[in-house]
N, C-alpha and C. Protein backbone atom coordinates (compact mmCIF):
# COMPACT_ATOMS: atom_id res chain seq x y z
N MET A 1 0.84 -1.18 0.00
CA MET A 1 0.00 0.00 0.00
C MET A 1 0.89 1.24 0.00
N ARG A 2 0.51 2.20 -0.80
CA ARG A 2 1.23 3.47 -0.81
C ARG A 2 0.93 4.24 0.46
N ARG A 3 1.78 5.16 0.77
CA ARG A 3 1.63 5.94 1.99
C ARG A 3 0.72 7.15 1.76
N LEU A 4 -0.26 7.32 2.64
CA LEU A 4 -1.09 8.52 2.64
C LEU A 4 -0.33 9.60 3.38
N ILE A 5 -0.34 10.79 2.83
CA ILE A 5 0.40 11.89 3.43
C ILE A 5 -0.58 12.86 4.07
N SER A 6 -0.42 13.07 5.36
CA SER A 6 -1.20 14.09 6.07
C SER A 6 -0.34 14.71 7.13
N ALA A 7 -0.07 15.97 6.98
CA ALA A 7 0.69 16.67 8.01
C ALA A 7 -0.22 17.11 9.15
N GLN A 8 -1.52 16.91 8.99
CA GLN A 8 -2.47 17.38 9.99
C GLN A 8 -2.68 16.41 11.13
N CYS A 9 -2.38 15.14 10.96
CA CYS A 9 -2.77 14.18 11.97
C CYS A 9 -1.76 13.04 12.06
N ALA A 10 -1.26 12.78 13.25
CA ALA A 10 -0.28 11.73 13.46
C ALA A 10 -0.98 10.41 13.77
N LEU A 11 -0.31 9.30 13.44
CA LEU A 11 -0.88 7.97 13.66
C LEU A 11 -1.30 7.72 15.11
N PRO A 12 -0.52 8.12 16.13
CA PRO A 12 -0.99 7.90 17.50
C PRO A 12 -2.32 8.61 17.80
N ARG A 13 -2.50 9.80 17.23
CA ARG A 13 -3.76 10.51 17.43
C ARG A 13 -4.90 9.76 16.76
N ILE A 14 -4.68 9.29 15.53
CA ILE A 14 -5.71 8.53 14.83
C ILE A 14 -6.09 7.30 15.64
N ARG A 15 -5.09 6.56 16.11
CA ARG A 15 -5.34 5.35 16.90
C ARG A 15 -6.15 5.69 18.14
N ALA A 16 -5.80 6.75 18.85
CA ALA A 16 -6.52 7.15 20.06
C ALA A 16 -7.96 7.51 19.75
N GLU A 17 -8.18 8.24 18.65
CA GLU A 17 -9.53 8.67 18.31
C GLU A 17 -10.41 7.49 17.89
N ILE A 18 -9.84 6.55 17.19
CA ILE A 18 -10.61 5.37 16.78
C ILE A 18 -11.04 4.57 18.00
N GLU A 19 -10.20 4.56 19.03
CA GLU A 19 -10.48 3.76 20.22
C GLU A 19 -11.38 4.44 21.24
N ILE A 20 -11.81 5.69 21.01
CA ILE A 20 -12.68 6.37 21.96
C ILE A 20 -14.06 5.70 21.93
N PRO A 21 -14.48 5.07 23.03
CA PRO A 21 -15.80 4.42 23.02
C PRO A 21 -16.91 5.44 22.85
N GLY A 22 -17.69 5.31 21.79
CA GLY A 22 -18.81 6.21 21.55
C GLY A 22 -18.39 7.58 21.05
N GLY A 23 -17.12 7.83 20.95
CA GLY A 23 -16.64 9.10 20.44
C GLY A 23 -16.66 10.19 21.49
N ALA A 24 -15.94 11.24 21.22
CA ALA A 24 -15.91 12.40 22.10
C ALA A 24 -17.00 13.38 21.67
N PRO A 25 -17.40 14.30 22.53
CA PRO A 25 -18.41 15.28 22.13
C PRO A 25 -17.97 16.03 20.87
N GLY A 26 -18.82 16.08 19.89
CA GLY A 26 -18.53 16.77 18.65
C GLY A 26 -17.73 15.98 17.64
N TRP A 27 -17.22 14.83 18.00
CA TRP A 27 -16.40 14.00 17.11
C TRP A 27 -17.31 13.23 16.16
N LEU A 28 -17.10 13.40 14.84
CA LEU A 28 -17.93 12.71 13.85
C LEU A 28 -17.23 11.52 13.21
N GLY A 29 -16.02 11.24 13.60
CA GLY A 29 -15.33 10.05 13.14
C GLY A 29 -14.56 10.22 11.84
N TRP A 30 -14.09 9.08 11.34
CA TRP A 30 -13.27 9.01 10.13
C TRP A 30 -14.10 8.55 8.96
N LEU A 31 -13.84 9.12 7.80
CA LEU A 31 -14.39 8.65 6.53
C LEU A 31 -13.22 8.12 5.71
N VAL A 32 -13.43 7.01 5.01
CA VAL A 32 -12.36 6.37 4.24
C VAL A 32 -12.82 6.20 2.80
N ALA A 33 -11.94 6.56 1.86
CA ALA A 33 -12.20 6.35 0.44
C ALA A 33 -11.32 5.17 -0.01
N THR A 34 -11.91 4.27 -0.78
CA THR A 34 -11.16 3.12 -1.27
C THR A 34 -11.15 3.10 -2.79
N GLY A 35 -10.12 2.47 -3.33
CA GLY A 35 -10.00 2.33 -4.77
C GLY A 35 -10.69 1.07 -5.25
N PRO A 36 -10.56 0.74 -6.54
CA PRO A 36 -11.27 -0.39 -7.14
C PRO A 36 -10.91 -1.74 -6.53
N GLU A 37 -9.73 -1.86 -5.96
CA GLU A 37 -9.30 -3.12 -5.35
C GLU A 37 -9.50 -3.13 -3.84
N GLY A 38 -10.19 -2.12 -3.33
CA GLY A 38 -10.44 -2.03 -1.90
C GLY A 38 -9.33 -1.34 -1.12
N GLU A 39 -8.31 -0.86 -1.81
CA GLU A 39 -7.20 -0.19 -1.12
C GLU A 39 -7.63 1.20 -0.65
N VAL A 40 -7.11 1.63 0.48
CA VAL A 40 -7.42 2.95 1.02
C VAL A 40 -6.69 3.99 0.17
N VAL A 41 -7.44 4.95 -0.37
CA VAL A 41 -6.84 6.01 -1.18
C VAL A 41 -7.02 7.40 -0.55
N GLY A 42 -7.80 7.48 0.52
CA GLY A 42 -7.98 8.75 1.18
C GLY A 42 -8.75 8.61 2.48
N VAL A 43 -8.53 9.56 3.38
CA VAL A 43 -9.24 9.59 4.66
C VAL A 43 -9.56 11.03 5.03
N ALA A 44 -10.61 11.20 5.79
CA ALA A 44 -10.97 12.51 6.31
C ALA A 44 -11.56 12.33 7.71
N ALA A 45 -11.36 13.32 8.54
CA ALA A 45 -11.93 13.30 9.88
C ALA A 45 -12.40 14.71 10.22
N GLY A 46 -13.46 14.78 10.99
CA GLY A 46 -13.98 16.08 11.38
C GLY A 46 -14.93 15.98 12.54
N GLY A 47 -15.41 17.14 12.93
CA GLY A 47 -16.36 17.19 14.02
C GLY A 47 -17.00 18.56 14.11
N VAL A 48 -17.87 18.69 15.08
CA VAL A 48 -18.52 19.96 15.38
C VAL A 48 -18.27 20.21 16.87
N PRO A 49 -17.05 20.69 17.19
CA PRO A 49 -16.68 20.85 18.60
C PRO A 49 -17.38 22.00 19.30
N VAL A 50 -17.81 23.00 18.53
CA VAL A 50 -18.53 24.16 19.06
C VAL A 50 -19.82 24.27 18.26
N PRO A 51 -20.96 24.49 18.91
CA PRO A 51 -22.20 24.59 18.15
C PRO A 51 -22.08 25.55 16.96
N GLY A 52 -22.45 25.04 15.78
CA GLY A 52 -22.44 25.85 14.57
C GLY A 52 -21.13 25.85 13.80
N GLU A 53 -20.05 25.33 14.40
CA GLU A 53 -18.74 25.38 13.76
C GLU A 53 -18.17 23.99 13.53
N GLY A 54 -18.11 23.59 12.26
CA GLY A 54 -17.49 22.33 11.90
C GLY A 54 -15.99 22.51 11.78
N GLU A 55 -15.25 21.47 12.09
CA GLU A 55 -13.79 21.51 12.02
C GLU A 55 -13.29 20.29 11.26
N VAL A 56 -12.50 20.54 10.20
CA VAL A 56 -11.84 19.46 9.48
C VAL A 56 -10.55 19.18 10.25
N TYR A 57 -10.47 17.99 10.85
CA TYR A 57 -9.30 17.64 11.63
C TYR A 57 -8.19 17.06 10.77
N ALA A 58 -8.55 16.33 9.74
CA ALA A 58 -7.55 15.71 8.86
C ALA A 58 -8.18 15.41 7.51
N LEU A 59 -7.38 15.54 6.47
CA LEU A 59 -7.78 15.16 5.11
C LEU A 59 -6.50 14.73 4.40
N ALA A 60 -6.45 13.47 3.98
CA ALA A 60 -5.25 12.94 3.33
C ALA A 60 -5.66 12.09 2.13
N VAL A 61 -4.91 12.25 1.04
CA VAL A 61 -5.19 11.50 -0.20
C VAL A 61 -3.88 10.91 -0.70
N ASP A 62 -3.95 9.67 -1.16
CA ASP A 62 -2.79 9.01 -1.74
C ASP A 62 -2.27 9.86 -2.90
N PRO A 63 -0.97 10.14 -2.93
CA PRO A 63 -0.43 10.97 -4.01
C PRO A 63 -0.74 10.43 -5.42
N GLY A 64 -0.91 9.13 -5.56
CA GLY A 64 -1.19 8.55 -6.87
C GLY A 64 -2.58 8.84 -7.41
N VAL A 65 -3.49 9.32 -6.55
CA VAL A 65 -4.85 9.62 -7.01
C VAL A 65 -5.23 11.08 -6.78
N ARG A 66 -4.25 11.90 -6.45
CA ARG A 66 -4.54 13.32 -6.28
C ARG A 66 -5.04 13.90 -7.59
N ARG A 67 -5.89 14.90 -7.48
CA ARG A 67 -6.52 15.60 -8.61
C ARG A 67 -7.51 14.70 -9.35
N ALA A 68 -7.98 13.66 -8.68
CA ALA A 68 -8.99 12.77 -9.27
C ALA A 68 -10.33 12.91 -8.55
N GLY A 69 -10.45 13.89 -7.65
CA GLY A 69 -11.71 14.14 -6.97
C GLY A 69 -11.87 13.44 -5.63
N VAL A 70 -10.88 12.68 -5.19
CA VAL A 70 -11.00 11.95 -3.92
C VAL A 70 -11.09 12.92 -2.74
N GLY A 71 -10.18 13.90 -2.69
CA GLY A 71 -10.21 14.87 -1.59
C GLY A 71 -11.48 15.69 -1.58
N THR A 72 -11.93 16.10 -2.75
CA THR A 72 -13.17 16.87 -2.86
C THR A 72 -14.36 16.05 -2.37
N ALA A 73 -14.40 14.76 -2.75
CA ALA A 73 -15.49 13.89 -2.32
C ALA A 73 -15.46 13.66 -0.81
N LEU A 74 -14.27 13.45 -0.26
CA LEU A 74 -14.16 13.27 1.19
C LEU A 74 -14.58 14.52 1.94
N LEU A 75 -14.14 15.68 1.45
CA LEU A 75 -14.54 16.93 2.11
C LEU A 75 -16.05 17.15 2.00
N ALA A 76 -16.63 16.84 0.86
CA ALA A 76 -18.09 16.98 0.69
C ALA A 76 -18.85 16.08 1.66
N ALA A 77 -18.40 14.85 1.81
CA ALA A 77 -19.06 13.92 2.73
C ALA A 77 -18.90 14.39 4.18
N THR A 78 -17.72 14.87 4.52
CA THR A 78 -17.48 15.40 5.87
C THR A 78 -18.36 16.61 6.11
N THR A 79 -18.49 17.47 5.12
CA THR A 79 -19.32 18.67 5.22
C THR A 79 -20.77 18.31 5.46
N GLU A 80 -21.28 17.32 4.74
CA GLU A 80 -22.68 16.90 4.93
C GLU A 80 -22.92 16.38 6.33
N ARG A 81 -21.97 15.63 6.86
CA ARG A 81 -22.11 15.15 8.24
C ARG A 81 -22.14 16.33 9.21
N MET A 82 -21.29 17.32 8.98
CA MET A 82 -21.26 18.49 9.86
C MET A 82 -22.56 19.26 9.79
N ARG A 83 -23.09 19.43 8.59
CA ARG A 83 -24.39 20.12 8.43
C ARG A 83 -25.47 19.38 9.22
N GLY A 84 -25.42 18.07 9.19
CA GLY A 84 -26.39 17.26 9.94
C GLY A 84 -26.33 17.49 11.44
N TYR A 85 -25.21 18.01 11.91
CA TYR A 85 -25.04 18.33 13.32
C TYR A 85 -25.10 19.83 13.57
N GLY A 86 -25.65 20.56 12.61
CA GLY A 86 -25.92 21.98 12.82
C GLY A 86 -24.80 22.94 12.46
N ALA A 87 -23.75 22.49 11.81
CA ALA A 87 -22.65 23.39 11.45
C ALA A 87 -23.10 24.36 10.37
N ARG A 88 -22.79 25.62 10.56
CA ARG A 88 -23.07 26.68 9.59
C ARG A 88 -21.78 27.26 9.02
N GLU A 89 -20.67 26.84 9.60
CA GLU A 89 -19.35 27.29 9.18
C GLU A 89 -18.40 26.09 9.29
N GLN A 90 -17.36 26.09 8.45
CA GLN A 90 -16.39 25.00 8.48
C GLN A 90 -14.99 25.60 8.53
N ARG A 91 -14.16 25.04 9.39
CA ARG A 91 -12.81 25.55 9.56
C ARG A 91 -11.78 24.44 9.38
N VAL A 92 -10.57 24.86 9.07
CA VAL A 92 -9.44 23.94 9.00
C VAL A 92 -8.20 24.70 9.45
N GLU A 93 -7.35 24.03 10.19
CA GLU A 93 -6.07 24.62 10.58
C GLU A 93 -4.97 23.84 9.90
N LEU A 94 -4.16 24.53 9.12
CA LEU A 94 -3.10 23.90 8.36
C LEU A 94 -1.79 23.94 9.15
N PRO A 95 -0.91 22.97 8.92
CA PRO A 95 0.32 22.91 9.70
C PRO A 95 1.34 24.00 9.38
N ALA A 96 1.22 24.64 8.22
CA ALA A 96 2.19 25.67 7.84
C ALA A 96 1.49 26.76 7.03
N GLU A 97 2.05 27.96 7.08
CA GLU A 97 1.46 29.08 6.34
C GLU A 97 1.47 28.84 4.83
N ALA A 98 2.48 28.18 4.33
CA ALA A 98 2.58 27.91 2.88
C ALA A 98 2.25 26.45 2.59
N ASP A 99 1.25 25.92 3.27
CA ASP A 99 0.88 24.51 3.12
C ASP A 99 0.47 24.20 1.67
N PRO A 100 0.90 23.06 1.13
CA PRO A 100 0.52 22.71 -0.25
C PRO A 100 -0.99 22.54 -0.46
N ALA A 101 -1.75 22.37 0.61
CA ALA A 101 -3.20 22.21 0.49
C ALA A 101 -3.94 23.53 0.34
N LEU A 102 -3.27 24.67 0.50
CA LEU A 102 -3.94 25.96 0.41
C LEU A 102 -4.73 26.15 -0.88
N PRO A 103 -4.18 25.85 -2.06
CA PRO A 103 -4.97 26.04 -3.28
C PRO A 103 -6.25 25.18 -3.29
N PHE A 104 -6.17 23.97 -2.74
CA PHE A 104 -7.34 23.09 -2.66
C PHE A 104 -8.44 23.75 -1.83
N TYR A 105 -8.08 24.20 -0.63
CA TYR A 105 -9.09 24.81 0.24
C TYR A 105 -9.60 26.14 -0.32
N ALA A 106 -8.72 26.94 -0.90
CA ALA A 106 -9.14 28.21 -1.50
C ALA A 106 -10.12 27.97 -2.64
N ARG A 107 -9.85 26.97 -3.46
CA ARG A 107 -10.74 26.65 -4.59
C ARG A 107 -12.12 26.24 -4.10
N LEU A 108 -12.20 25.67 -2.91
CA LEU A 108 -13.48 25.22 -2.36
C LEU A 108 -14.13 26.26 -1.46
N GLY A 109 -13.65 27.49 -1.51
CA GLY A 109 -14.33 28.59 -0.83
C GLY A 109 -13.83 28.96 0.54
N PHE A 110 -12.74 28.36 0.99
CA PHE A 110 -12.17 28.73 2.28
C PHE A 110 -11.41 30.04 2.14
N ALA A 111 -11.47 30.87 3.17
CA ALA A 111 -10.73 32.14 3.20
C ALA A 111 -9.92 32.18 4.50
N ALA A 112 -8.82 32.89 4.47
CA ALA A 112 -7.92 32.95 5.61
C ALA A 112 -8.50 33.75 6.76
N LEU A 113 -8.50 33.16 7.94
CA LEU A 113 -8.77 33.88 9.19
C LEU A 113 -7.45 34.34 9.78
N SER A 114 -6.43 33.54 9.53
CA SER A 114 -5.04 33.83 9.90
C SER A 114 -4.20 33.05 8.89
N PRO A 115 -2.89 33.19 8.91
CA PRO A 115 -2.10 32.49 7.90
C PRO A 115 -2.30 30.97 7.88
N ARG A 116 -2.63 30.36 9.02
CA ARG A 116 -2.81 28.91 9.06
C ARG A 116 -4.25 28.46 9.26
N ARG A 117 -5.12 29.36 9.65
CA ARG A 117 -6.51 29.01 9.97
C ARG A 117 -7.42 29.54 8.87
N TRP A 118 -8.21 28.63 8.25
CA TRP A 118 -9.07 28.98 7.13
C TRP A 118 -10.50 28.58 7.47
N SER A 119 -11.46 29.28 6.85
CA SER A 119 -12.87 29.06 7.16
C SER A 119 -13.73 29.31 5.92
N ARG A 120 -14.90 28.69 5.91
CA ARG A 120 -15.89 28.98 4.87
C ARG A 120 -17.29 28.81 5.45
N PRO A 121 -18.24 29.58 4.95
CA PRO A 121 -19.62 29.40 5.40
C PRO A 121 -20.20 28.14 4.74
N LEU A 122 -21.11 27.50 5.44
CA LEU A 122 -21.82 26.36 4.89
C LEU A 122 -23.25 26.80 4.61
N ASP A 123 -23.59 26.93 3.34
CA ASP A 123 -24.92 27.39 2.95
C ASP A 123 -25.91 26.25 2.95
């Protein structure tokens, strides 16, 4: 299996979150995208930690399938789950000011709140 790259979330954190019985308040869990052979090609995690505000905790896509719509589909599915829990805004915090994911988030309507923190309204 190829390596998924995510600077937003470390493996120990993922393991801890998966093992939380019933989840933490506001935690909506992990979404996984698979390829034609069942291989994992992308993951996303998010929650609604504050009423009305969704937070993308992690979004990672296999480099071999980037620009094929996997990240967009994962973000859309995460967004729908957040809307179901009353989110009217969605935020993401990037690990660096010049993060390679900035064009992706900007294209999907996110705007900078600070150099690393981005947000968009959910209509």
